[in-house]
Full PDB file with SEQRES, HELIX, SHEET, SSBOND, CRYST1, ORIGX, SCALE, CONECT and MASTER records, all heavy atoms in Angstrom:
SEQRES   1 A   33  HIS GLN ARG GLY VAL SER VAL GLU PRO GLY ILE TYR PHE          
SEQRES   2 A   33  LEU GLY LEU PRO TRP GLN SER ARG ARG GLY SER THR PHE          
SEQRES   3 A   33  ILE TRP GLY VAL TRP HIS ASP                                  
HELIX    1 AA1 ARG A   22  THR A   25  5                                   4    
HELIX    2 AA2 ILE A   27  HIS A   32  1                                   6    
CRYST1    1.000    1.000    1.000  90.00  90.00  90.00 P 1           1          
ORIGX1      1.000000  0.000000  0.000000        0.00000                         
ORIGX2      0.000000  1.000000  0.000000        0.00000                         
ORIGX3      0.000000  0.000000  1.000000        0.00000                         
SCALE1      1.000000  0.000000  0.000000        0.00000                         
SCALE2      0.000000  1.000000  0.000000        0.00000                         
SCALE3      0.000000  0.000000  1.000000        0.00000                         
ATOM      1  N   HIS A   1     -28.056  -9.256-107.515  1.00  0.00           N  
ATOM      2  CA  HIS A   1     -28.739  -8.210-106.768  1.00  0.00           C  
ATOM      3  C   HIS A   1     -28.711  -6.862-107.526  1.00  0.00           C  
ATOM      4  O   HIS A   1     -27.987  -6.671-108.516  1.00  0.00           O  
ATOM      5  CB  HIS A   1     -28.015  -8.035-105.438  1.00  0.00           C  
ATOM      6  CG  HIS A   1     -26.635  -7.383-105.585  1.00  0.00           C  
ATOM      7  ND1 HIS A   1     -26.394  -6.069-105.434  1.00  0.00           N  
ATOM      8  CD2 HIS A   1     -25.439  -7.958-105.937  1.00  0.00           C  
ATOM      9  CE1 HIS A   1     -25.115  -5.786-105.640  1.00  0.00           C  
ATOM     10  NE2 HIS A   1     -24.504  -6.939-105.969  1.00  0.00           N  
ATOM     11  N   GLN A   2     -29.525  -5.980-107.070  1.00  0.00           N  
ATOM     12  CA  GLN A   2     -29.517  -4.629-107.532  1.00  0.00           C  
ATOM     13  C   GLN A   2     -29.325  -3.683-106.337  1.00  0.00           C  
ATOM     14  O   GLN A   2     -30.192  -3.564-105.487  1.00  0.00           O  
ATOM     15  CB  GLN A   2     -30.855  -4.283-108.247  1.00  0.00           C  
ATOM     16  CG  GLN A   2     -31.011  -2.824-108.727  1.00  0.00           C  
ATOM     17  CD  GLN A   2     -29.998  -2.522-109.840  1.00  0.00           C  
ATOM     18  OE1 GLN A   2     -29.677  -3.369-110.629  1.00  0.00           O  
ATOM     19  NE2 GLN A   2     -29.538  -1.331-109.900  1.00  0.00           N  
ATOM     20  N   ARG A   3     -28.145  -3.160-106.196  1.00  0.00           N  
ATOM     21  CA  ARG A   3     -27.778  -2.286-105.063  1.00  0.00           C  
ATOM     22  C   ARG A   3     -28.068  -2.973-103.720  1.00  0.00           C  
ATOM     23  O   ARG A   3     -28.493  -2.326-102.754  1.00  0.00           O  
ATOM     24  CB  ARG A   3     -28.508  -0.943-105.164  1.00  0.00           C  
ATOM     25  CG  ARG A   3     -28.116  -0.091-106.366  1.00  0.00           C  
ATOM     26  CD  ARG A   3     -28.807   1.281-106.353  1.00  0.00           C  
ATOM     27  NE  ARG A   3     -28.417   2.012-105.153  1.00  0.00           N  
ATOM     28  CZ  ARG A   3     -28.949   3.192-104.815  1.00  0.00           C  
ATOM     29  NH1 ARG A   3     -29.895   3.728-105.565  1.00  0.00           N  
ATOM     30  NH2 ARG A   3     -28.514   3.831-103.732  1.00  0.00           N  
ATOM     31  N   GLY A   4     -27.823  -4.289-103.683  1.00  0.00           N  
ATOM     32  CA  GLY A   4     -27.977  -4.998-102.415  1.00  0.00           C  
ATOM     33  C   GLY A   4     -29.281  -5.726-102.280  1.00  0.00           C  
ATOM     34  O   GLY A   4     -29.459  -6.535-101.359  1.00  0.00           O  
ATOM     35  N   VAL A   5     -30.230  -5.429-103.149  1.00  0.00           N  
ATOM     36  CA  VAL A   5     -31.573  -6.109-103.076  1.00  0.00           C  
ATOM     37  C   VAL A   5     -31.462  -7.346-103.981  1.00  0.00           C  
ATOM     38  O   VAL A   5     -31.338  -7.227-105.211  1.00  0.00           O  
ATOM     39  CB  VAL A   5     -32.643  -5.181-103.525  1.00  0.00           C  
ATOM     40  CG1 VAL A   5     -33.989  -5.910-103.491  1.00  0.00           C  
ATOM     41  CG2 VAL A   5     -32.682  -3.923-102.633  1.00  0.00           C  
ATOM     42  N   SER A   6     -31.564  -8.537-103.389  1.00  0.00           N  
ATOM     43  CA  SER A   6     -31.387  -9.738-104.138  1.00  0.00           C  
ATOM     44  C   SER A   6     -32.544 -10.031-105.067  1.00  0.00           C  
ATOM     45  O   SER A   6     -33.642  -9.585-104.876  1.00  0.00           O  
ATOM     46  CB  SER A   6     -31.229 -10.919-103.118  1.00  0.00           C  
ATOM     47  OG  SER A   6     -31.284 -12.190-103.784  1.00  0.00           O  
ATOM     48  N   VAL A   7     -32.304 -10.909-106.072  1.00  0.00           N  
ATOM     49  CA  VAL A   7     -33.370 -11.410-106.940  1.00  0.00           C  
ATOM     50  C   VAL A   7     -34.256 -12.345-106.136  1.00  0.00           C  
ATOM     51  O   VAL A   7     -35.366 -12.613-106.554  1.00  0.00           O  
ATOM     52  CB  VAL A   7     -32.775 -12.112-108.165  1.00  0.00           C  
ATOM     53  CG1 VAL A   7     -32.016 -11.166-109.002  1.00  0.00           C  
ATOM     54  CG2 VAL A   7     -31.888 -13.309-107.742  1.00  0.00           C  
ATOM     55  N   GLU A   8     -33.781 -12.871-105.029  1.00  0.00           N  
ATOM     56  CA  GLU A   8     -34.531 -13.725-104.117  1.00  0.00           C  
ATOM     57  C   GLU A   8     -35.280 -12.886-103.093  1.00  0.00           C  
ATOM     58  O   GLU A   8     -34.599 -12.230-102.252  1.00  0.00           O  
ATOM     59  CB  GLU A   8     -33.636 -14.774-103.466  1.00  0.00           C  
ATOM     60  CG  GLU A   8     -34.357 -15.669-102.425  1.00  0.00           C  
ATOM     61  CD  GLU A   8     -35.149 -16.777-103.056  1.00  0.00           C  
ATOM     62  OE1 GLU A   8     -35.272 -16.807-104.318  1.00  0.00           O  
ATOM     63  OE2 GLU A   8     -35.652 -17.591-102.297  1.00  0.00           O  
ATOM     64  N   PRO A   9     -36.593 -12.823-103.135  1.00  0.00           N  
ATOM     65  CA  PRO A   9     -37.316 -11.971-102.187  1.00  0.00           C  
ATOM     66  C   PRO A   9     -36.923 -12.281-100.710  1.00  0.00           C  
ATOM     67  O   PRO A   9     -36.853 -13.484-100.300  1.00  0.00           O  
ATOM     68  CB  PRO A   9     -38.778 -12.321-102.454  1.00  0.00           C  
ATOM     69  CG  PRO A   9     -38.812 -12.785-103.850  1.00  0.00           C  
ATOM     70  CD  PRO A   9     -37.506 -13.528-104.034  1.00  0.00           C  
ATOM     71  N   GLY A  10     -36.703 -11.207 -99.994  1.00  0.00           N  
ATOM     72  CA  GLY A  10     -36.345 -11.368 -98.584  1.00  0.00           C  
ATOM     73  C   GLY A  10     -34.904 -11.499 -98.284  1.00  0.00           C  
ATOM     74  O   GLY A  10     -34.466 -11.500 -97.094  1.00  0.00           O  
ATOM     75  N   ILE A  11     -34.053 -11.542 -99.322  1.00  0.00           N  
ATOM     76  CA  ILE A  11     -32.582 -11.647 -99.135  1.00  0.00           C  
ATOM     77  C   ILE A  11     -32.000 -10.347 -99.586  1.00  0.00           C  
ATOM     78  O   ILE A  11     -32.265  -9.798-100.645  1.00  0.00           O  
ATOM     79  CB  ILE A  11     -32.002 -12.822 -99.952  1.00  0.00           C  
ATOM     80  CG1 ILE A  11     -32.569 -14.180 -99.464  1.00  0.00           C  
ATOM     81  CG2 ILE A  11     -30.480 -12.822 -99.906  1.00  0.00           C  
ATOM     82  CD1 ILE A  11     -32.063 -14.532 -98.022  1.00  0.00           C  
ATOM     83  N   TYR A  12     -30.994  -9.866 -98.770  1.00  0.00           N  
ATOM     84  CA  TYR A  12     -30.320  -8.607 -99.057  1.00  0.00           C  
ATOM     85  C   TYR A  12     -28.814  -8.822 -98.799  1.00  0.00           C  
ATOM     86  O   TYR A  12     -28.402  -9.681 -97.964  1.00  0.00           O  
ATOM     87  CB  TYR A  12     -30.849  -7.496 -98.125  1.00  0.00           C  
ATOM     88  CG  TYR A  12     -32.328  -7.250 -98.373  1.00  0.00           C  
ATOM     89  CD1 TYR A  12     -33.282  -7.998 -97.627  1.00  0.00           C  
ATOM     90  CD2 TYR A  12     -32.782  -6.261 -99.257  1.00  0.00           C  
ATOM     91  CE1 TYR A  12     -34.613  -7.804 -97.832  1.00  0.00           C  
ATOM     92  CE2 TYR A  12     -34.139  -6.079 -99.435  1.00  0.00           C  
ATOM     93  CZ  TYR A  12     -35.083  -6.855 -98.710  1.00  0.00           C  
ATOM     94  OH  TYR A  12     -36.397  -6.649 -98.910  1.00  0.00           O  
ATOM     95  N   PHE A  13     -28.015  -7.992 -99.488  1.00  0.00           N  
ATOM     96  CA  PHE A  13     -26.541  -8.037 -99.281  1.00  0.00           C  
ATOM     97  C   PHE A  13     -26.008  -6.646 -98.944  1.00  0.00           C  
ATOM     98  O   PHE A  13     -26.568  -5.621 -99.315  1.00  0.00           O  
ATOM     99  CB  PHE A  13     -25.868  -8.503-100.600  1.00  0.00           C  
ATOM    100  CG  PHE A  13     -26.246  -9.927-100.977  1.00  0.00           C  
ATOM    101  CD1 PHE A  13     -27.246 -10.177-101.891  1.00  0.00           C  
ATOM    102  CD2 PHE A  13     -25.580 -11.017-100.406  1.00  0.00           C  
ATOM    103  CE1 PHE A  13     -27.630 -11.450-102.227  1.00  0.00           C  
ATOM    104  CE2 PHE A  13     -25.960 -12.355-100.742  1.00  0.00           C  
ATOM    105  CZ  PHE A  13     -26.961 -12.523-101.682  1.00  0.00           C  
ATOM    106  N   LEU A  14     -24.937  -6.634 -98.200  1.00  0.00           N  
ATOM    107  CA  LEU A  14     -24.294  -5.356 -97.888  1.00  0.00           C  
ATOM    108  C   LEU A  14     -22.777  -5.563 -97.724  1.00  0.00           C  
ATOM    109  O   LEU A  14     -22.333  -6.558 -97.177  1.00  0.00           O  
ATOM    110  CB  LEU A  14     -24.889  -4.844 -96.549  1.00  0.00           C  
ATOM    111  CG  LEU A  14     -24.426  -3.439 -96.160  1.00  0.00           C  
ATOM    112  CD1 LEU A  14     -24.869  -2.416 -97.122  1.00  0.00           C  
ATOM    113  CD2 LEU A  14     -25.027  -3.053 -94.764  1.00  0.00           C  
ATOM    114  N   GLY A  15     -22.022  -4.598 -98.225  1.00  0.00           N  
ATOM    115  CA  GLY A  15     -20.568  -4.679 -98.104  1.00  0.00           C  
ATOM    116  C   GLY A  15     -19.919  -5.290 -99.322  1.00  0.00           C  
ATOM    117  O   GLY A  15     -18.734  -5.542 -99.335  1.00  0.00           O  
ATOM    118  N   LEU A  16     -20.639  -5.485-100.435  1.00  0.00           N  
ATOM    119  CA  LEU A  16     -20.063  -6.085-101.628  1.00  0.00           C  
ATOM    120  C   LEU A  16     -19.256  -5.007-102.400  1.00  0.00           C  
ATOM    121  O   LEU A  16     -19.614  -3.836-102.384  1.00  0.00           O  
ATOM    122  CB  LEU A  16     -21.178  -6.600-102.532  1.00  0.00           C  
ATOM    123  CG  LEU A  16     -22.115  -7.693-101.974  1.00  0.00           C  
ATOM    124  CD1 LEU A  16     -23.158  -8.005-102.994  1.00  0.00           C  
ATOM    125  CD2 LEU A  16     -21.328  -8.919-101.550  1.00  0.00           C  
ATOM    126  N   PRO A  17     -18.199  -5.411-103.051  1.00  0.00           N  
ATOM    127  CA  PRO A  17     -17.453  -4.460-103.914  1.00  0.00           C  
ATOM    128  C   PRO A  17     -18.361  -3.945-104.982  1.00  0.00           C  
ATOM    129  O   PRO A  17     -19.104  -4.668-105.632  1.00  0.00           O  
ATOM    130  CB  PRO A  17     -16.355  -5.373-104.497  1.00  0.00           C  
ATOM    131  CG  PRO A  17     -16.196  -6.503-103.586  1.00  0.00           C  
ATOM    132  CD  PRO A  17     -17.583  -6.787-103.019  1.00  0.00           C  
ATOM    133  N   TRP A  18     -18.328  -2.627-105.133  1.00  0.00           N  
ATOM    134  CA  TRP A  18     -19.108  -1.950-106.156  1.00  0.00           C  
ATOM    135  C   TRP A  18     -20.650  -2.274-106.007  1.00  0.00           C  
ATOM    136  O   TRP A  18     -21.331  -2.399-107.014  1.00  0.00           O  
ATOM    137  CB  TRP A  18     -18.630  -2.317-107.582  1.00  0.00           C  
ATOM    138  CG  TRP A  18     -17.297  -1.722-107.847  1.00  0.00           C  
ATOM    139  CD1 TRP A  18     -16.053  -2.269-107.582  1.00  0.00           C  
ATOM    140  CD2 TRP A  18     -16.985  -0.478-108.544  1.00  0.00           C  
ATOM    141  NE1 TRP A  18     -15.069  -1.504-107.990  1.00  0.00           N  
ATOM    142  CE2 TRP A  18     -15.580  -0.408-108.632  1.00  0.00           C  
ATOM    143  CE3 TRP A  18     -17.765   0.506-109.102  1.00  0.00           C  
ATOM    144  CZ2 TRP A  18     -14.923   0.706-109.137  1.00  0.00           C  
ATOM    145  CZ3 TRP A  18     -17.132   1.617-109.696  1.00  0.00           C  
ATOM    146  CH2 TRP A  18     -15.739   1.704-109.749  1.00  0.00           C  
ATOM    147  N   GLN A  19     -21.076  -2.420-104.779  1.00  0.00           N  
ATOM    148  CA  GLN A  19     -22.466  -2.743-104.594  1.00  0.00           C  
ATOM    149  C   GLN A  19     -23.415  -1.712-105.233  1.00  0.00           C  
ATOM    150  O   GLN A  19     -24.411  -2.032-105.798  1.00  0.00           O  
ATOM    151  CB  GLN A  19     -22.808  -2.864-103.089  1.00  0.00           C  
ATOM    152  CG  GLN A  19     -24.248  -3.091-102.786  1.00  0.00           C  
ATOM    153  CD  GLN A  19     -24.468  -3.736-101.400  1.00  0.00           C  
ATOM    154  OE1 GLN A  19     -23.797  -4.626-100.970  1.00  0.00           O  
ATOM    155  NE2 GLN A  19     -25.410  -3.212-100.693  1.00  0.00           N  
ATOM    156  N   SER A  20     -23.042  -0.436-105.058  1.00  0.00           N  
ATOM    157  CA  SER A  20     -23.802   0.640-105.679  1.00  0.00           C  
ATOM    158  C   SER A  20     -22.899   1.669-106.362  1.00  0.00           C  
ATOM    159  O   SER A  20     -23.317   2.361-107.254  1.00  0.00           O  
ATOM    160  CB  SER A  20     -24.675   1.354-104.700  1.00  0.00           C  
ATOM    161  OG  SER A  20     -23.923   2.117-103.781  1.00  0.00           O  
ATOM    162  N   ARG A  21     -21.597   1.692-105.894  1.00  0.00           N  
ATOM    163  CA  ARG A  21     -20.649   2.712-106.367  1.00  0.00           C  
ATOM    164  C   ARG A  21     -19.251   2.292-106.009  1.00  0.00           C  
ATOM    165  O   ARG A  21     -19.054   1.266-105.308  1.00  0.00           O  
ATOM    166  CB  ARG A  21     -21.015   4.044-105.686  1.00  0.00           C  
ATOM    167  CG  ARG A  21     -20.737   4.020-104.203  1.00  0.00           C  
ATOM    168  CD  ARG A  21     -21.332   5.224-103.549  1.00  0.00           C  
ATOM    169  NE  ARG A  21     -22.798   5.005-103.299  1.00  0.00           N  
ATOM    170  CZ  ARG A  21     -23.601   5.965-102.814  1.00  0.00           C  
ATOM    171  NH1 ARG A  21     -23.172   7.148-102.658  1.00  0.00           N  
ATOM    172  NH2 ARG A  21     -24.869   5.656-102.607  1.00  0.00           N  
ATOM    173  N   ARG A  22     -18.316   3.113-106.429  1.00  0.00           N  
ATOM    174  CA  ARG A  22     -16.954   2.838-106.167  1.00  0.00           C  
ATOM    175  C   ARG A  22     -16.668   2.767-104.634  1.00  0.00           C  
ATOM    176  O   ARG A  22     -15.835   1.963-104.169  1.00  0.00           O  
ATOM    177  CB  ARG A  22     -16.073   3.929-106.810  1.00  0.00           C  
ATOM    178  CG  ARG A  22     -14.572   3.795-106.540  1.00  0.00           C  
ATOM    179  CD  ARG A  22     -13.819   4.895-107.250  1.00  0.00           C  
ATOM    180  NE  ARG A  22     -12.368   4.672-107.196  1.00  0.00           N  
ATOM    181  CZ  ARG A  22     -11.511   5.323-108.023  1.00  0.00           C  
ATOM    182  NH1 ARG A  22     -11.964   6.137-108.959  1.00  0.00           N  
ATOM    183  NH2 ARG A  22     -10.257   5.100-107.919  1.00  0.00           N  
ATOM    184  N   GLY A  23     -17.350   3.582-103.901  1.00  0.00           N  
ATOM    185  CA  GLY A  23     -17.057   3.692-102.435  1.00  0.00           C  
ATOM    186  C   GLY A  23     -17.743   2.667-101.575  1.00  0.00           C  
ATOM    187  O   GLY A  23     -17.689   2.735-100.376  1.00  0.00           O  
ATOM    188  N   SER A  24     -18.394   1.653-102.187  1.00  0.00           N  
ATOM    189  CA  SER A  24     -19.239   0.734-101.415  1.00  0.00           C  
ATOM    190  C   SER A  24     -18.515  -0.087-100.344  1.00  0.00           C  
ATOM    191  O   SER A  24     -19.125  -0.437 -99.333  1.00  0.00           O  
ATOM    192  CB  SER A  24     -19.966  -0.253-102.388  1.00  0.00           C  
ATOM    193  OG  SER A  24     -21.000   0.410-103.064  1.00  0.00           O  
ATOM    194  N   THR A  25     -17.250  -0.412-100.562  1.00  0.00           N  
ATOM    195  CA  THR A  25     -16.564  -1.201 -99.550  1.00  0.00           C  
ATOM    196  C   THR A  25     -15.763  -0.353 -98.557  1.00  0.00           C  
ATOM    197  O   THR A  25     -15.157  -0.878 -97.682  1.00  0.00           O  
ATOM    198  CB  THR A  25     -15.585  -2.181-100.269  1.00  0.00           C  
ATOM    199  OG1 THR A  25     -14.773  -1.487-101.212  1.00  0.00           O  
ATOM    200  CG2 THR A  25     -16.302  -3.302-100.937  1.00  0.00           C  
ATOM    201  N   PHE A  26     -15.877   0.967 -98.708  1.00  0.00           N  
ATOM    202  CA  PHE A  26     -15.218   1.851 -97.749  1.00  0.00           C  
ATOM    203  C   PHE A  26     -16.179   2.124 -96.573  1.00  0.00           C  
ATOM    204  O   PHE A  26     -17.412   2.017 -96.717  1.00  0.00           O  
ATOM    205  CB  PHE A  26     -14.772   3.133 -98.436  1.00  0.00           C  
ATOM    206  CG  PHE A  26     -13.651   2.907 -99.425  1.00  0.00           C  
ATOM    207  CD1 PHE A  26     -13.909   2.410-100.676  1.00  0.00           C  
ATOM    208  CD2 PHE A  26     -12.359   3.185 -99.096  1.00  0.00           C  
ATOM    209  CE1 PHE A  26     -12.856   2.179-101.585  1.00  0.00           C  
ATOM    210  CE2 PHE A  26     -11.274   2.970 -99.955  1.00  0.00           C  
ATOM    211  CZ  PHE A  26     -11.567   2.455-101.192  1.00  0.00           C  
ATOM    212  N   ILE A  27     -15.644   2.552 -95.487  1.00  0.00           N  
ATOM    213  CA  ILE A  27     -16.437   2.721 -94.260  1.00  0.00           C  
ATOM    214  C   ILE A  27     -17.646   3.648 -94.486  1.00  0.00           C  
ATOM    215  O   ILE A  27     -18.755   3.292 -94.173  1.00  0.00           O  
ATOM    216  CB  ILE A  27     -15.593   3.305 -93.134  1.00  0.00           C  
ATOM    217  CG1 ILE A  27     -14.490   2.226 -92.667  1.00  0.00           C  
ATOM    218  CG2 ILE A  27     -16.399   3.691 -91.946  1.00  0.00           C  
ATOM    219  CD1 ILE A  27     -13.486   2.717 -91.719  1.00  0.00           C  
ATOM    220  N   TRP A  28     -17.419   4.836 -95.079  1.00  0.00           N  
ATOM    221  CA  TRP A  28     -18.516   5.741 -95.285  1.00  0.00           C  
ATOM    222  C   TRP A  28     -19.449   5.219 -96.329  1.00  0.00           C  
ATOM    223  O   TRP A  28     -20.647   5.419 -96.263  1.00  0.00           O  
ATOM    224  CB  TRP A  28     -18.006   7.105 -95.660  1.00  0.00           C  
ATOM    225  CG  TRP A  28     -17.337   7.182 -96.968  1.00  0.00           C  
ATOM    226  CD1 TRP A  28     -15.993   6.956 -97.240  1.00  0.00           C  
ATOM    227  CD2 TRP A  28     -17.928   7.365 -98.269  1.00  0.00           C  
ATOM    228  NE1 TRP A  28     -15.741   6.947 -98.585  1.00  0.00           N  
ATOM    229  CE2 TRP A  28     -16.930   7.270 -99.255  1.00  0.00           C  
ATOM    230  CE3 TRP A  28     -19.251   7.647 -98.643  1.00  0.00           C  
ATOM    231  CZ2 TRP A  28     -17.173   7.363-100.613  1.00  0.00           C  
ATOM    232  CZ3 TRP A  28     -19.488   7.765-100.010  1.00  0.00           C  
ATOM    233  CH2 TRP A  28     -18.517   7.646-100.949  1.00  0.00           C  
ATOM    234  N   GLY A  29     -18.896   4.529 -97.349  1.00  0.00           N  
ATOM    235  CA  GLY A  29     -19.705   4.056 -98.459  1.00  0.00           C  
ATOM    236  C   GLY A  29     -20.696   3.024 -98.044  1.00  0.00           C  
ATOM    237  O   GLY A  29     -21.864   2.973 -98.497  1.00  0.00           O  
ATOM    238  N   VAL A  30     -20.261   2.064 -97.170  1.00  0.00           N  
ATOM    239  CA  VAL A  30     -21.174   1.019 -96.733  1.00  0.00           C  
ATOM    240  C   VAL A  30     -22.342   1.595 -95.916  1.00  0.00           C  
ATOM    241  O   VAL A  30     -23.446   1.055 -95.909  1.00  0.00           O  
ATOM    242  CB  VAL A  30     -20.387  -0.067 -95.969  1.00  0.00           C  
ATOM    243  CG1 VAL A  30     -20.096   0.346 -94.516  1.00  0.00           C  
ATOM    244  CG2 VAL A  30     -21.174  -1.416 -95.968  1.00  0.00           C  
ATOM    245  N   TRP A  31     -22.090   2.692 -95.224  1.00  0.00           N  
ATOM    246  CA  TRP A  31     -23.127   3.355 -94.430  1.00  0.00           C  
ATOM    247  C   TRP A  31     -24.235   3.832 -95.344  1.00  0.00           C  
ATOM    248  O   TRP A  31     -25.441   3.657 -95.039  1.00  0.00           O  
ATOM    249  CB  TRP A  31     -22.536   4.509 -93.651  1.00  0.00           C  
ATOM    250  CG  TRP A  31     -23.464   5.162 -92.659  1.00  0.00           C  
ATOM    251  CD1 TRP A  31     -23.565   4.816 -91.328  1.00  0.00           C  
ATOM    252  CD2 TRP A  31     -24.357   6.226 -92.858  1.00  0.00           C  
ATOM    253  NE1 TRP A  31     -24.533   5.638 -90.707  1.00  0.00           N  
ATOM    254  CE2 TRP A  31     -25.005   6.511 -91.650  1.00  0.00           C  
ATOM    255  CE3 TRP A  31     -24.631   6.987 -93.983  1.00  0.00           C  
ATOM    256  CZ2 TRP A  31     -25.957   7.536 -91.514  1.00  0.00           C  
ATOM    257  CZ3 TRP A  31     -25.615   8.020 -93.865  1.00  0.00           C  
ATOM    258  CH2 TRP A  31     -26.246   8.267 -92.658  1.00  0.00           C  
ATOM    259  N   HIS A  32     -23.904   4.431 -96.454  1.00  0.00           N  
ATOM    260  CA  HIS A  32     -24.894   4.922 -97.386  1.00  0.00           C  
ATOM    261  C   HIS A  32     -25.623   3.782 -98.099  1.00  0.00           C  
ATOM    262  O   HIS A  32     -26.795   3.852 -98.377  1.00  0.00           O  
ATOM    263  CB  HIS A  32     -24.246   5.874 -98.415  1.00  0.00           C  
ATOM    264  CG  HIS A  32     -23.830   7.168 -97.849  1.00  0.00           C  
ATOM    265  ND1 HIS A  32     -24.721   8.163 -97.553  1.00  0.00           N  
ATOM    266  CD2 HIS A  32     -22.627   7.672 -97.456  1.00  0.00           C  
ATOM    267  CE1 HIS A  32     -24.105   9.254 -97.059  1.00  0.00           C  
ATOM    268  NE2 HIS A  32     -22.812   8.941 -96.962  1.00  0.00           N  
ATOM    269  N   ASP A  33     -24.884   2.695 -98.416  1.00  0.00           N  
ATOM    270  CA  ASP A  33     -25.546   1.522 -99.011  1.00  0.00           C  
ATOM    271  C   ASP A  33     -26.538   0.935 -98.023  1.00  0.00           C  
ATOM    272  O   ASP A  33     -27.595   0.436 -98.406  1.00  0.00           O  
ATOM    273  CB  ASP A  33     -24.501   0.512 -99.443  1.00  0.00           C  
ATOM    274  CG  ASP A  33     -23.789   0.851-100.742  1.00  0.00           C  
ATOM    275  OD1 ASP A  33     -24.271   1.753-101.436  1.00  0.00           O  
ATOM    276  OD2 ASP A  33     -22.773   0.210-101.033  1.00  0.00           O  
TER     277      ASP A  33                                                      
MASTER        0    0    0    2    0    0    0    6  276    1    0    3          
END                                                                             
């Protein structure tokens, strides 16, 4: 994926470690992702 947007069209991810940044798995970080 790229920042949660999967290589498979229509599939998305959220809450992955380092999804977009260091804070991605923290409460406030997942909100921004």
